[in-house]
Amino acid sequence: MAEFTESATFKAFLRATAPGASTADIAAANRALDSDASLSPAKKAQMKSSLRARSATPAAADASGKSTTQELIDTTKSYRTQLDQLTATLFKSTAALRDSDYGANNLSKRVAKLATDMYSFGFDIDDVTQKTKYLSENLSTRLTPGFDKSLMAMTRQSLMWDKLGIGIEKQVSMQNLLQGSLGKTRDESTKTGRTLLKFAADTGMSFSQAFDTFNKTVPKFLGILGSGEMTRQTMLFSTRARRMGVDVGQLTGMMDQFDTMDSAQHMGAKLNATMSALGGGFDAVKASMMDWPERMEYMAKTVQDVMPRLKGMSAQQQRLMMKQLSLGFGTSVRTVRAMASYKPGMALPAELKMAAGAQPAAMGARSETEAARLATTTRQFYAALSKVDFPAVVTVADKLGVNLARLSIEARKLEQNLLTVGLNVAAKIVGMLAERIGAAVTAQVKASIGPQLTNIFTGFDTFQGMMMKRVGQMQAELEKPL
């Protein structure tokens, strides 16, 4: 046995089964086994089985028959192509970035970095790219200083809201109103959005419905300069309208007619003619001096005060009086009926607090993140995970100062030089490079992205220099005269 471990056959077998073994090593080991008469058929079969298993590993060749070196070159070319496509896509909609500190090429790297953060929510590099592109093309703040630096933060926030079912159009509509028309900061508009999320959760609305209702209702409250009070009244009226089963525009339109003294007196005169016939009354001047929440409750109370008398009339008289009341309030009969049934105390705690003047609270960032995570399906997560290698490689490479385009070019140059020499030792050197860079990038990137890529890229220049030096030595040997 001791003699066999010292034999050429055993040494060839060790080289063929060692990490980084080439196809040439495996072929040499097979030839040695075939020619070794000292080994039993069973022992040869066992060792050949090990060599066949080794031949099937990525170190020797992949399933398609490509060398690992070619796999490396194809991979780096793919990354370079994707990075170029990403940059070009963003540049079409963010051409102004060309001359800024955050240029289009840098932006593409930031998009790739964000993609590595968002895959756990089911978003891949394409989702992040398209969202960034849409925001850049449609946000009014695109024309303001500092937009470039905050674009990734806005994209991340938009993706979180998207995961909660809030369409990008609804998001942009709110952002353009708050930041463009009202001059709010990004943080202030984000807080308003999270306030809507919290209120939706407290009142049983969907997140999308909360944004949609806010966008449709808030124009009626733009005269209120304080954003907190504007949001409070917008949400309060939208909730009341939903609870009463009427359109919020009916309620706000009715309130609007009593804002000025002239219109209030005009509407009040028509109302009092009907109210007095029912034993009630309506103080239009008093109503005009109230804010909308209090004015609505006052109107509802005046209607409820005359309802007992109205119920005692005939059907024809009831129909006539209800029509007159609706004309006096400038609304529909349905809204008048809703006011007659309105009970201020029969509301959820969130509405009661706002009715008492409390400012609505915002959902915390952590709660928002958890909500988005709960809204992510396992299928979405794994679909995004399958695409995380490209943005991860771009991110780590950029952090380490490695240019992926240069990596691809240098790998091709190195392969061409080694093939020119045409020696077995050259194939081994290529195998070392491929084992260290190509295989880890293509096969292991998802398993251990950070440490693997750090080792890959920090060691690349060292390996490249060593190999090119060896190529030069071999070329010099070949050039010596025979």
Protein backbone atom coordinates (compact mmCIF):
# COMPACT_ATOMS: atom_id res chain seq x y z
CA MET A 1 0.00 0.00 0.00
CA ALA A 2 2.89 2.31 0.84
CA GLU A 3 4.30 1.73 -2.65
CA PHE A 4 1.01 2.64 -4.28
CA THR A 5 0.76 6.01 -2.40
CA GLU A 6 4.13 6.90 -3.87
CA SER A 7 3.18 5.84 -7.38
CA ALA A 8 2.57 8.16 -10.33
CA THR A 9 -0.99 6.84 -10.60
CA PHE A 10 -1.88 7.86 -7.05
CA LYS A 11 -0.30 11.30 -7.45
CA ALA A 12 -2.25 11.85 -10.67
CA PHE A 13 -5.43 10.78 -8.87
CA LEU A 14 -4.78 13.30 -6.05
CA ARG A 15 -4.23 16.13 -8.54
CA ALA A 16 -7.46 15.24 -10.36
CA THR A 17 -9.57 15.23 -7.18
CA ALA A 18 -8.02 18.33 -5.60
CA PRO A 19 -9.88 21.70 -5.62
CA GLY A 20 -9.27 23.57 -8.86
CA ALA A 21 -8.46 20.43 -10.84
CA SER A 22 -8.76 20.85 -14.59
CA THR A 23 -10.21 18.53 -17.23
CA ALA A 24 -6.62 17.80 -18.27
CA ASP A 25 -5.82 16.59 -14.74
CA ILE A 26 -8.83 14.27 -14.76
CA ALA A 27 -7.97 12.89 -18.20
CA ALA A 28 -4.37 12.22 -17.09
CA ALA A 29 -5.59 10.37 -13.99
CA ASN A 30 -7.87 8.19 -16.09
CA ARG A 31 -5.01 7.29 -18.43
CA ALA A 32 -2.80 6.44 -15.47
CA LEU A 33 -5.45 4.14 -14.02
CA ASP A 34 -5.95 2.39 -17.35
CA SER A 35 -2.23 1.65 -17.70
CA ASP A 36 -1.62 0.61 -14.07
CA ALA A 37 -1.66 -3.20 -13.93
CA SER A 38 -1.00 -3.31 -10.18
CA LEU A 39 -4.53 -2.22 -9.26
CA SER A 40 -7.45 -4.62 -8.95
CA PRO A 41 -10.50 -4.08 -11.22
CA ALA A 42 -12.64 -3.18 -8.16
CA LYS A 43 -10.16 -0.53 -7.01
CA LYS A 44 -9.94 0.95 -10.51
CA ALA A 45 -13.73 1.11 -10.76
CA GLN A 46 -13.95 2.89 -7.40
CA MET A 47 -11.34 5.49 -8.35
CA LYS A 48 -12.83 6.04 -11.80
CA SER A 49 -16.20 6.63 -10.14
CA SER A 50 -14.62 9.42 -8.08
CA LEU A 51 -13.13 10.92 -11.22
CA ARG A 52 -16.48 10.84 -13.02
CA ALA A 53 -18.09 12.67 -10.08
CA ARG A 54 -15.28 15.21 -10.19
CA SER A 55 -15.81 15.71 -13.94
CA ALA A 56 -19.42 16.72 -13.28
CA THR A 57 -18.48 19.58 -10.92
CA PRO A 58 -18.40 23.25 -12.05
CA ALA A 59 -14.63 23.32 -11.52
CA ALA A 60 -14.09 21.16 -14.57
CA ALA A 61 -16.96 22.14 -16.81
CA ASP A 62 -20.57 23.20 -16.47
CA ALA A 63 -23.56 21.22 -17.76
CA SER A 64 -23.45 23.09 -21.07
CA GLY A 65 -19.84 22.11 -21.68
CA LYS A 66 -18.45 25.63 -21.17
CA SER A 67 -15.15 26.08 -19.42
CA THR A 68 -15.33 27.89 -16.11
CA THR A 69 -13.26 30.66 -17.64
CA GLN A 70 -15.87 31.17 -20.33
CA GLU A 71 -18.54 31.10 -17.62
CA LEU A 72 -16.66 33.89 -15.85
CA ILE A 73 -16.43 35.97 -19.01
CA ASP A 74 -20.10 35.40 -19.86
CA THR A 75 -21.12 36.34 -16.33
CA THR A 76 -19.13 39.55 -16.19
CA LYS A 77 -20.32 40.48 -19.67
CA SER A 78 -23.90 39.89 -18.51
CA TYR A 79 -23.41 42.13 -15.48
CA ARG A 80 -21.81 44.81 -17.63
CA THR A 81 -24.67 44.62 -20.15
CA GLN A 82 -27.33 44.84 -17.44
CA LEU A 83 -25.56 47.79 -15.86
CA ASP A 84 -25.36 49.56 -19.23
CA GLN A 85 -29.04 48.91 -19.91
CA LEU A 86 -29.99 50.17 -16.48
CA THR A 87 -27.96 53.35 -16.94
CA ALA A 88 -29.45 53.98 -20.39
CA THR A 89 -33.02 53.46 -19.15
CA LEU A 90 -32.56 55.89 -16.29
CA PHE A 91 -30.72 58.42 -18.43
CA LYS A 92 -33.67 58.69 -20.82
CA SER A 93 -35.87 60.07 -18.05
CA THR A 94 -33.19 61.70 -15.90
CA ALA A 95 -30.98 63.39 -18.47
CA ALA A 96 -30.36 66.30 -16.10
CA LEU A 97 -28.29 63.94 -13.93
CA ARG A 98 -25.55 63.94 -16.52
CA ASP A 99 -23.91 67.08 -15.17
CA SER A 100 -24.67 66.60 -11.46
CA ASP A 101 -22.65 64.96 -8.71
CA TYR A 102 -25.09 62.08 -8.85
CA GLY A 103 -24.70 61.26 -12.53
CA ALA A 104 -26.64 58.65 -14.44
CA ASN A 105 -23.95 55.98 -14.00
CA ASN A 106 -23.85 56.59 -10.25
CA LEU A 107 -27.64 56.53 -10.14
CA SER A 108 -27.71 53.08 -11.72
CA LYS A 109 -25.42 51.83 -8.97
CA ARG A 110 -27.71 53.33 -6.32
CA VAL A 111 -30.68 51.64 -7.96
CA ALA A 112 -28.80 48.33 -7.81
CA LYS A 113 -28.04 48.88 -4.14
CA LEU A 114 -31.68 49.63 -3.37
CA ALA A 115 -32.67 46.45 -5.20
CA THR A 116 -30.53 44.39 -2.81
CA ASP A 117 -32.42 45.98 0.10
CA MET A 118 -35.88 45.46 -1.40
CA TYR A 119 -35.78 41.85 -2.62
CA SER A 120 -37.11 40.68 0.77
CA PHE A 121 -40.32 42.58 -0.08
CA GLY A 122 -40.62 40.84 -3.46
CA PHE A 123 -39.12 43.62 -5.61
CA ASP A 124 -36.33 42.98 -8.12
CA ILE A 125 -34.00 45.27 -10.07
CA ASP A 126 -36.60 45.80 -12.82
CA ASP A 127 -39.24 46.93 -10.30
CA VAL A 128 -36.84 49.42 -8.72
CA THR A 129 -35.75 50.74 -12.12
CA GLN A 130 -39.29 51.29 -13.39
CA LYS A 131 -40.37 52.94 -10.13
CA THR A 132 -37.38 55.29 -10.22
CA LYS A 133 -38.10 56.14 -13.85
CA TYR A 134 -41.80 56.85 -13.17
CA LEU A 135 -41.09 59.11 -10.19
CA SER A 136 -38.45 61.04 -12.10
CA GLU A 137 -40.85 61.62 -14.99
CA ASN A 138 -43.96 62.52 -12.94
CA LEU A 139 -43.01 64.16 -9.64
CA SER A 140 -43.23 67.95 -9.70
CA THR A 141 -40.18 68.16 -7.42
CA ARG A 142 -38.09 66.88 -10.35
CA LEU A 143 -37.50 70.58 -11.07
CA THR A 144 -36.26 71.43 -7.57
CA PRO A 145 -32.70 71.35 -6.16
CA GLY A 146 -31.80 68.22 -4.23
CA PHE A 147 -34.17 65.94 -6.12
CA ASP A 148 -31.32 63.72 -7.32
CA LYS A 149 -30.05 63.04 -3.81
CA SER A 150 -33.48 62.16 -2.45
CA LEU A 151 -34.69 60.09 -5.41
CA MET A 152 -33.66 56.75 -3.94
CA ALA A 153 -35.37 57.51 -0.62
CA MET A 154 -38.56 58.44 -2.49
CA THR A 155 -38.30 55.28 -4.60
CA ARG A 156 -37.98 53.13 -1.50
CA GLN A 157 -40.99 54.80 0.11
CA SER A 158 -42.99 54.38 -3.07
CA LEU A 159 -42.15 50.67 -3.18
CA MET A 160 -43.29 50.24 0.42
CA TRP A 161 -46.63 51.92 -0.35
CA ASP A 162 -46.92 49.92 -3.53
CA LYS A 163 -46.61 46.74 -1.48
CA LEU A 164 -49.53 47.94 0.66
CA GLY A 165 -51.72 48.20 -2.44
CA ILE A 166 -51.41 51.94 -3.08
CA GLY A 167 -51.00 52.59 -6.80
CA ILE A 168 -48.17 54.78 -8.01
CA GLU A 169 -50.63 57.26 -9.55
CA LYS A 170 -52.30 57.85 -6.18
CA GLN A 171 -48.93 58.28 -4.51
CA VAL A 172 -47.69 60.80 -7.05
CA SER A 173 -50.99 62.72 -6.92
CA MET A 174 -50.61 63.19 -3.18
CA GLN A 175 -46.89 64.01 -3.40
CA ASN A 176 -47.41 66.60 -6.13
CA LEU A 177 -50.16 68.30 -4.14
CA LEU A 178 -48.26 68.39 -0.86
CA GLN A 179 -44.74 69.08 -2.16
CA GLY A 180 -45.53 70.90 -5.39
CA SER A 181 -48.61 72.99 -4.52
CA LEU A 182 -48.29 73.31 -0.73
CA GLY A 183 -44.49 73.47 -0.46
CA LYS A 184 -44.15 70.59 1.99
CA THR A 185 -40.88 68.72 2.39
CA ARG A 186 -40.42 65.09 1.48
CA ASP A 187 -40.48 64.12 5.17
CA GLU A 188 -43.71 66.07 5.73
CA SER A 189 -45.46 64.44 2.79
CA THR A 190 -44.24 61.03 3.92
CA LYS A 191 -45.68 61.71 7.38
CA THR A 192 -49.04 62.62 5.81
CA GLY A 193 -48.99 59.34 3.88
CA ARG A 194 -48.25 57.38 7.04
CA THR A 195 -51.01 59.28 8.82
CA LEU A 196 -53.41 57.97 6.18
CA LEU A 197 -52.06 54.45 6.74
CA LYS A 198 -52.67 54.69 10.49
CA PHE A 199 -56.16 56.07 10.04
CA ALA A 200 -57.01 53.35 7.50
CA ALA A 201 -55.88 50.69 9.95
CA ASP A 202 -57.93 52.28 12.77
CA THR A 203 -61.13 52.64 10.74
CA GLY A 204 -61.11 49.47 8.67
CA MET A 205 -60.43 51.16 5.34
CA SER A 206 -57.97 49.76 2.84
CA PHE A 207 -54.71 51.69 2.49
CA SER A 208 -55.50 52.37 -1.15
CA GLN A 209 -58.96 53.70 -0.28
CA ALA A 210 -57.49 56.08 2.30
CA PHE A 211 -55.12 57.61 -0.29
CA ASP A 212 -57.83 57.76 -2.94
CA THR A 213 -60.34 59.46 -0.65
CA PHE A 214 -57.73 61.94 0.57
CA ASN A 215 -56.78 62.93 -2.99
CA LYS A 216 -60.42 63.47 -3.95
CA THR A 217 -61.43 65.32 -0.76
CA VAL A 218 -58.43 67.46 0.15
CA PRO A 219 -59.00 70.11 -2.59
CA LYS A 220 -62.04 71.26 -0.59
CA PHE A 221 -59.80 71.94 2.42
CA LEU A 222 -56.85 73.68 0.79
CA GLY A 223 -57.97 76.97 2.31
CA ILE A 224 -56.71 75.69 5.68
CA LEU A 225 -53.04 76.63 5.84
CA GLY A 226 -52.04 74.31 8.66
CA SER A 227 -51.29 70.91 7.13
CA GLY A 228 -52.21 69.05 10.32
CA GLU A 229 -55.66 70.66 10.55
CA MET A 230 -56.17 70.32 6.82
CA THR A 231 -55.48 66.59 7.07
CA ARG A 232 -57.70 66.23 10.15
CA GLN A 233 -60.74 67.80 8.55
CA THR A 234 -60.19 65.99 5.26
CA MET A 235 -60.08 62.63 7.00
CA LEU A 236 -62.95 63.51 9.33
CA PHE A 237 -65.34 64.46 6.54
CA SER A 238 -64.38 61.51 4.36
CA THR A 239 -65.05 59.17 7.29
CA ARG A 240 -68.37 60.79 8.13
CA ALA A 241 -69.50 60.60 4.53
CA ARG A 242 -68.59 56.93 4.38
CA ARG A 243 -70.40 56.20 7.64
CA MET A 244 -73.49 58.12 6.45
CA GLY A 245 -73.46 56.35 3.09
CA VAL A 246 -73.25 59.54 1.03
CA ASP A 247 -70.69 61.05 -1.30
CA VAL A 248 -68.19 63.27 0.47
CA GLY A 249 -68.72 65.88 -2.24
CA GLN A 250 -72.36 66.23 -1.12
CA LEU A 251 -71.28 67.06 2.42
CA THR A 252 -68.48 69.45 1.50
CA GLY A 253 -70.65 71.14 -1.16
CA MET A 254 -73.32 71.77 1.46
CA MET A 255 -70.76 73.25 3.88
CA ASP A 256 -69.30 75.42 1.15
CA GLN A 257 -72.57 77.29 0.56
CA PHE A 258 -72.53 78.73 4.07
CA ASP A 259 -68.94 80.01 4.04
CA THR A 260 -69.77 83.62 3.11
CA MET A 261 -72.36 85.85 4.77
CA ASP A 262 -74.19 86.60 1.52
CA SER A 263 -74.62 83.00 0.43
CA ALA A 264 -75.43 81.91 4.01
CA GLN A 265 -78.25 84.48 4.31
CA HIS A 266 -79.59 83.54 0.88
CA MET A 267 -79.64 79.81 1.71
CA GLY A 268 -80.89 80.51 5.23
CA ALA A 269 -83.93 82.40 3.96
CA LYS A 270 -85.07 79.40 1.91
CA LEU A 271 -84.37 77.02 4.78
CA ASN A 272 -86.25 79.04 7.40
CA ALA A 273 -89.36 79.14 5.24
CA THR A 274 -89.47 75.34 5.44
CA MET A 275 -88.14 75.01 8.99
CA SER A 276 -90.68 77.42 10.45
CA ALA A 277 -93.54 75.43 8.88
CA LEU A 278 -92.18 72.40 10.74
CA GLY A 279 -91.77 74.21 14.04
CA GLY A 280 -88.02 74.67 13.78
CA GLY A 281 -85.50 77.27 12.68
CA PHE A 282 -82.03 77.75 11.20
CA ASP A 283 -79.60 80.51 12.15
CA ALA A 284 -77.64 81.09 8.94
CA VAL A 285 -75.37 83.74 10.48
CA LYS A 286 -74.44 81.40 13.30
CA ALA A 287 -73.75 78.62 10.79
CA SER A 288 -71.48 80.83 8.69
CA MET A 289 -69.31 81.57 11.74
CA MET A 290 -68.71 77.89 12.49
CA ASP A 291 -65.95 75.71 11.11
CA TRP A 292 -67.11 72.85 8.91
CA PRO A 293 -67.11 70.00 11.47
CA GLU A 294 -69.21 72.05 13.92
CA ARG A 295 -71.40 73.41 11.11
CA MET A 296 -72.25 69.92 9.96
CA GLU A 297 -73.34 68.87 13.44
CA TYR A 298 -75.45 72.04 13.76
CA MET A 299 -77.17 71.33 10.42
CA ALA A 300 -77.82 67.71 11.40
CA LYS A 301 -79.31 68.82 14.72
CA THR A 302 -81.73 71.29 13.05
CA VAL A 303 -82.96 68.55 10.72
CA GLN A 304 -83.36 66.09 13.57
CA ASP A 305 -85.33 68.66 15.61
CA VAL A 306 -88.10 68.83 12.97
CA MET A 307 -88.23 65.15 12.11
CA PRO A 308 -90.92 64.21 14.71
CA ARG A 309 -93.28 66.81 13.19
CA LEU A 310 -92.41 65.72 9.67
CA LYS A 311 -93.08 62.05 10.43
CA GLY A 312 -96.64 62.93 11.46
CA MET A 313 -97.49 64.29 8.03
CA SER A 314 -98.90 62.42 5.06
CA ALA A 315 -96.61 60.80 2.51
CA GLN A 316 -97.25 63.57 -0.02
CA GLN A 317 -96.46 66.28 2.53
CA GLN A 318 -93.32 64.45 3.68
CA ARG A 319 -92.07 64.20 0.10
CA LEU A 320 -92.72 67.93 -0.48
CA MET A 321 -91.04 69.04 2.75
CA MET A 322 -87.97 66.83 2.24
CA LYS A 323 -87.57 68.26 -1.25
CA GLN A 324 -87.75 71.80 0.16
CA LEU A 325 -85.18 70.99 2.85
CA SER A 326 -82.79 69.55 0.24
CA LEU A 327 -83.15 72.70 -1.86
CA GLY A 328 -82.54 74.87 1.21
CA PHE A 329 -79.33 73.00 2.08
CA GLY A 330 -78.28 72.76 -1.57
CA THR A 331 -77.91 69.00 -1.48
CA SER A 332 -79.83 65.79 -2.24
CA VAL A 333 -82.78 64.29 -0.38
CA ARG A 334 -80.56 61.31 0.45
CA THR A 335 -78.06 63.57 2.25
CA VAL A 336 -80.90 65.20 4.24
CA ARG A 337 -82.11 61.73 5.26
CA ALA A 338 -78.54 60.84 6.25
CA MET A 339 -78.31 63.96 8.45
CA ALA A 340 -81.61 63.01 10.08
CA SER A 341 -80.09 59.66 11.04
CA TYR A 342 -76.65 61.00 11.91
CA LYS A 343 -75.47 60.16 15.45
CA PRO A 344 -72.18 61.90 16.34
CA GLY A 345 -71.45 59.54 19.24
CA MET A 346 -71.89 56.38 17.16
CA ALA A 347 -68.41 56.39 15.63
CA LEU A 348 -65.12 54.59 16.01
CA PRO A 349 -62.62 55.98 18.56
CA ALA A 350 -60.34 57.33 15.82
CA GLU A 351 -63.15 59.47 14.37
CA LEU A 352 -64.32 60.63 17.81
CA LYS A 353 -60.80 61.80 18.69
CA MET A 354 -60.53 63.81 15.48
CA ALA A 355 -64.02 65.25 16.00
CA ALA A 356 -62.82 66.47 19.42
CA GLY A 357 -59.92 68.29 17.71
CA ALA A 358 -57.10 65.77 18.17
CA GLN A 359 -54.53 65.66 15.40
CA PRO A 360 -54.32 62.23 13.71
CA ALA A 361 -51.25 60.14 14.49
CA ALA A 362 -48.93 58.68 11.86
CA MET A 363 -47.94 55.05 11.49
CA GLY A 364 -44.35 54.46 12.53
CA ALA A 365 -41.73 53.47 9.97
CA ARG A 366 -41.22 50.12 11.67
CA SER A 367 -44.95 49.34 11.62
CA GLU A 368 -45.08 50.34 7.97
CA THR A 369 -42.19 47.99 7.19
CA GLU A 370 -43.84 45.12 9.02
CA ALA A 371 -47.11 45.74 7.18
CA ALA A 372 -45.26 45.64 3.85
CA ARG A 373 -43.51 42.44 4.88
CA LEU A 374 -46.83 40.82 5.76
CA ALA A 375 -48.14 41.84 2.34
CA THR A 376 -45.26 40.05 0.58
CA THR A 377 -46.03 36.52 -0.56
CA THR A 378 -43.48 33.71 -0.50
CA ARG A 379 -43.72 33.43 -4.28
CA GLN A 380 -42.87 37.15 -4.68
CA PHE A 381 -39.94 36.82 -2.29
CA TYR A 382 -38.33 33.91 -4.13
CA ALA A 383 -39.01 35.45 -7.54
CA ALA A 384 -37.07 38.56 -6.48
CA LEU A 385 -34.38 36.48 -4.76
CA SER A 386 -33.66 34.69 -8.02
CA LYS A 387 -32.63 38.03 -9.54
CA VAL A 388 -30.65 39.44 -6.62
CA ASP A 389 -27.21 38.36 -7.89
CA PHE A 390 -26.76 41.20 -10.39
CA PRO A 391 -27.56 44.14 -8.04
CA ALA A 392 -25.58 42.46 -5.26
CA VAL A 393 -22.49 42.11 -7.43
CA VAL A 394 -22.79 45.71 -8.67
CA THR A 395 -23.17 47.01 -5.12
CA VAL A 396 -20.25 45.11 -3.61
CA ALA A 397 -18.02 45.71 -6.62
CA ASP A 398 -18.68 49.44 -6.46
CA LYS A 399 -17.97 49.49 -2.72
CA LEU A 400 -14.63 47.79 -3.32
CA GLY A 401 -13.75 50.04 -6.24
CA VAL A 402 -13.98 47.29 -8.85
CA ASN A 403 -15.21 48.20 -12.31
CA LEU A 404 -17.27 45.31 -13.71
CA ALA A 405 -16.73 46.42 -17.29
CA ARG A 406 -12.95 46.37 -16.73
CA LEU A 407 -13.20 42.97 -15.05
CA SER A 408 -14.88 41.54 -18.16
CA ILE A 409 -12.33 43.06 -20.53
CA GLU A 410 -9.33 41.97 -18.45
CA ALA A 411 -10.69 38.44 -18.10
CA ARG A 412 -11.01 38.17 -21.88
CA LYS A 413 -7.46 39.54 -22.40
CA LEU A 414 -6.11 37.07 -19.89
CA GLU A 415 -7.83 34.13 -21.55
CA GLN A 416 -6.54 35.16 -24.99
CA ASN A 417 -2.96 35.43 -23.73
CA LEU A 418 -3.12 32.07 -22.02
CA LEU A 419 -4.62 30.37 -25.06
CA THR A 420 -1.83 31.84 -27.18
CA VAL A 421 0.74 30.10 -25.02
CA GLY A 422 -1.26 26.88 -25.30
CA LEU A 423 0.36 25.04 -22.39
CA ASN A 424 -1.30 22.85 -19.78
CA VAL A 425 0.00 25.07 -17.04
CA ALA A 426 -1.91 27.93 -18.61
CA ALA A 427 -5.13 25.95 -18.28
CA LYS A 428 -4.37 25.44 -14.60
CA ILE A 429 -3.86 29.17 -14.10
CA VAL A 430 -7.18 29.89 -15.79
CA GLY A 431 -8.78 27.33 -13.50
CA MET A 432 -7.40 29.14 -10.45
CA LEU A 433 -8.86 32.42 -11.65
CA ALA A 434 -12.20 30.86 -12.52
CA GLU A 435 -12.41 28.96 -9.24
CA ARG A 436 -11.77 32.13 -7.27
CA ILE A 437 -13.91 34.57 -9.27
CA GLY A 438 -16.25 32.97 -11.80
CA ALA A 439 -17.63 30.07 -9.78
CA ALA A 440 -18.18 32.15 -6.64
CA VAL A 441 -19.92 34.93 -8.54
CA THR A 442 -22.21 32.63 -10.52
CA ALA A 443 -22.91 29.79 -8.08
CA GLN A 444 -22.34 31.07 -4.56
CA VAL A 445 -23.42 34.69 -4.72
CA LYS A 446 -26.85 34.09 -3.18
CA ALA A 447 -25.49 31.90 -0.38
CA SER A 448 -22.89 34.32 0.99
CA ILE A 449 -22.93 37.56 -0.98
CA GLY A 450 -20.83 39.79 1.26
CA PRO A 451 -17.77 37.71 2.29
CA GLN A 452 -17.48 35.80 -0.98
CA LEU A 453 -17.55 38.86 -3.19
CA THR A 454 -15.19 40.75 -0.90
CA ASN A 455 -12.64 37.94 -1.26
CA ILE A 456 -13.24 37.72 -4.99
CA PHE A 457 -12.74 41.35 -5.86
CA THR A 458 -10.00 42.24 -3.38
CA GLY A 459 -7.99 39.28 -4.65
CA PHE A 460 -8.60 39.88 -8.32
CA ASP A 461 -5.77 42.34 -8.99
CA THR A 462 -3.29 40.16 -7.10
CA PHE A 463 -4.23 37.05 -9.06
CA GLN A 464 -4.29 38.92 -12.33
CA GLY A 465 -0.82 40.34 -11.76
CA MET A 466 0.59 36.96 -10.77
CA MET A 467 -0.92 35.24 -13.79
CA MET A 468 0.15 37.84 -16.29
CA LYS A 469 3.68 37.64 -14.90
CA ARG A 470 3.62 33.89 -15.38
CA VAL A 471 2.31 34.29 -18.93
CA GLY A 472 5.18 36.62 -19.69
CA GLN A 473 7.68 34.08 -18.39
CA MET A 474 6.18 31.34 -20.53
CA GLN A 475 6.16 33.53 -23.61
CA ALA A 476 9.81 34.38 -23.00
CA GLU A 477 10.65 30.66 -22.78
CA LEU A 478 8.87 29.99 -26.06
CA GLU A 479 10.78 32.77 -27.81
CA LYS A 480 14.20 31.32 -26.92
CA PRO A 481 15.97 29.81 -29.87
CA LEU A 482 15.97 26.00 -30.03
